[in-house]
Amino acid sequence: MMHTHTAQPAGMSPMEVNDLILYARELDALIPNTDAAWETWGSSLSHIPFEAGKKIIRDYYGKHPEPHLRDPISPAHIRKIYRSELDRQKASRHEIERPVDKRLMPRRTLLKLQAAGVLIDRDPAKYPNR
């Protein structure tokens, strides 16, 4: 059943919202396919790309040991999982791109001190080359 509405969510087209609901219904018949559901899903998930929403639904049911016992997925579930994934990606990028700690002395200073027999236990590779 295709719903025809004039309001188009920014993240998904009306067809994609409809397809996402239908995809979710293929995995769980308890998910309603009504105008109200379309409007709720469309307005709640407007910032989420279709493929990301589809992956979340697939994982929500596919990775659970007893998917038939799960509560039906809702836009709130999808938003929460999507936000968690974005936060996880942001945190991992932050660790990879950690800024240089400016409180550390320059490597050349440490090397001079080590040549004088001081701070021998420090690893020069952990000090900024500035």
Protein backbone atom coordinates (compact mmCIF):
# COMPACT_ATOMS: atom_id res chain seq x y z
CA MET A 1 0.00 0.00 0.00
CA MET A 2 1.62 3.26 -1.15
CA HIS A 3 0.80 6.41 0.77
CA THR A 4 0.64 9.68 -1.10
CA HIS A 5 1.57 12.75 0.91
CA THR A 6 2.91 16.11 -0.12
CA ALA A 7 5.29 16.58 2.84
CA GLN A 8 8.63 14.99 2.06
CA PRO A 9 11.09 14.15 4.85
CA ALA A 10 14.55 15.62 4.26
CA GLY A 11 16.45 12.37 4.82
CA MET A 12 14.19 10.00 2.93
CA SER A 13 11.82 10.38 0.05
CA PRO A 14 8.17 9.41 0.63
CA MET A 15 8.82 6.21 -1.30
CA GLU A 16 11.80 5.38 0.95
CA VAL A 17 9.74 5.96 4.11
CA ASN A 18 7.09 3.64 2.72
CA ASP A 19 9.75 1.09 1.71
CA LEU A 20 11.32 1.24 5.17
CA ILE A 21 7.99 0.52 6.85
CA LEU A 22 7.30 -2.31 4.41
CA TYR A 23 10.80 -3.72 5.01
CA ALA A 24 10.23 -3.62 8.76
CA ARG A 25 6.81 -5.28 8.31
CA GLU A 26 8.44 -8.14 6.39
CA LEU A 27 10.39 -8.89 9.57
CA ASP A 28 7.62 -8.05 12.05
CA ALA A 29 3.92 -8.06 11.18
CA LEU A 30 3.11 -6.05 14.32
CA ILE A 31 4.46 -2.86 12.73
CA PRO A 32 1.51 -0.85 11.43
CA ASN A 33 1.35 0.29 7.81
CA THR A 34 -1.02 3.22 8.20
CA ASP A 35 -1.02 6.89 7.33
CA ALA A 36 -0.27 7.70 10.97
CA ALA A 37 2.68 5.29 10.99
CA TRP A 38 4.00 6.79 7.75
CA GLU A 39 3.75 10.32 9.14
CA THR A 40 5.38 9.29 12.41
CA TRP A 41 8.20 7.37 10.76
CA GLY A 42 8.70 10.07 8.12
CA SER A 43 8.87 12.99 10.55
CA SER A 44 10.88 11.10 13.20
CA LEU A 45 13.46 9.68 10.82
CA SER A 46 13.87 12.59 8.40
CA HIS A 47 17.56 12.96 9.23
CA ILE A 48 18.41 9.27 8.81
CA PRO A 49 19.44 7.94 5.38
CA PHE A 50 17.32 5.09 4.03
CA GLU A 51 20.17 2.56 3.87
CA ALA A 52 21.18 3.31 7.47
CA GLY A 53 17.57 2.82 8.61
CA LYS A 54 17.34 -0.45 6.70
CA LYS A 55 20.60 -1.73 8.23
CA ILE A 56 19.38 -0.83 11.72
CA ILE A 57 16.15 -2.75 11.17
CA ARG A 58 18.02 -5.73 9.72
CA ASP A 59 20.45 -5.81 12.65
CA TYR A 60 17.69 -5.22 15.23
CA TYR A 61 16.01 -8.47 14.23
CA GLY A 62 18.88 -10.38 12.64
CA LYS A 63 21.39 -10.15 15.49
CA HIS A 64 18.94 -11.08 18.25
CA PRO A 65 19.01 -14.75 19.31
CA GLU A 66 15.19 -14.84 19.34
CA PRO A 67 13.98 -12.11 16.98
CA HIS A 68 10.38 -13.22 17.29
CA LEU A 69 10.49 -12.17 20.97
CA ARG A 70 11.67 -8.61 20.30
CA ASP A 71 9.35 -5.67 20.67
CA PRO A 72 8.40 -4.29 17.26
CA ILE A 73 10.99 -1.77 16.13
CA SER A 74 9.87 1.83 16.31
CA PRO A 75 11.20 5.15 15.05
CA ALA A 76 12.50 5.77 18.59
CA HIS A 77 14.56 2.55 18.45
CA ILE A 78 15.96 3.52 15.05
CA ARG A 79 16.85 7.07 16.18
CA LYS A 80 18.55 5.79 19.35
CA ILE A 81 20.59 3.14 17.51
CA TYR A 82 21.54 5.60 14.74
CA ARG A 83 22.63 8.24 17.28
CA SER A 84 24.67 5.64 19.21
CA GLU A 85 26.41 4.54 16.01
CA LEU A 86 27.25 8.15 15.09
CA ASP A 87 28.59 8.78 18.61
CA ARG A 88 30.70 5.61 18.43
CA GLN A 89 32.14 6.65 15.05
CA LYS A 90 32.84 10.14 16.33
CA ALA A 91 34.60 8.77 19.41
CA SER A 92 36.75 6.41 17.35
CA ARG A 93 37.74 9.25 14.98
CA HIS A 94 38.56 11.40 17.99
CA GLU A 95 40.92 8.76 19.36
CA ILE A 96 42.61 8.31 16.00
CA GLU A 97 42.99 12.04 15.43
CA ARG A 98 43.92 12.97 18.99
CA PRO A 99 45.60 16.37 19.08
CA VAL A 100 49.16 16.70 20.29
CA ASP A 101 49.32 17.34 24.03
CA LYS A 102 50.92 20.77 24.16
CA ARG A 103 51.89 20.28 27.79
CA LEU A 104 54.63 17.87 26.75
CA MET A 105 58.05 19.31 26.10
CA PRO A 106 59.38 19.15 22.55
CA ARG A 107 61.16 15.92 21.61
CA ARG A 108 64.47 17.74 21.04
CA THR A 109 64.37 19.03 24.65
CA LEU A 110 63.74 15.54 25.99
CA LEU A 111 66.60 14.15 23.90
CA LYS A 112 68.98 16.79 25.30
CA LEU A 113 67.92 15.92 28.85
CA GLN A 114 68.32 12.20 28.16
CA ALA A 115 71.81 12.86 26.76
CA ALA A 116 72.58 14.44 30.14
CA GLY A 117 71.25 11.33 31.91
CA VAL A 118 67.87 12.75 32.97
CA LEU A 119 64.42 11.30 32.14
CA ILE A 120 65.93 8.18 30.60
CA ASP A 121 62.72 6.18 31.16
CA ARG A 122 60.67 8.43 28.81
CA ASP A 123 59.89 7.37 25.24
CA PRO A 124 60.85 10.18 22.81
CA ALA A 125 58.33 8.88 20.25
CA LYS A 126 55.52 10.04 22.55
CA TYR A 127 56.76 13.62 22.52
CA PRO A 128 55.86 16.15 19.84
CA ASN A 129 58.46 16.94 17.21
CA ARG A 130 58.20 20.73 17.25
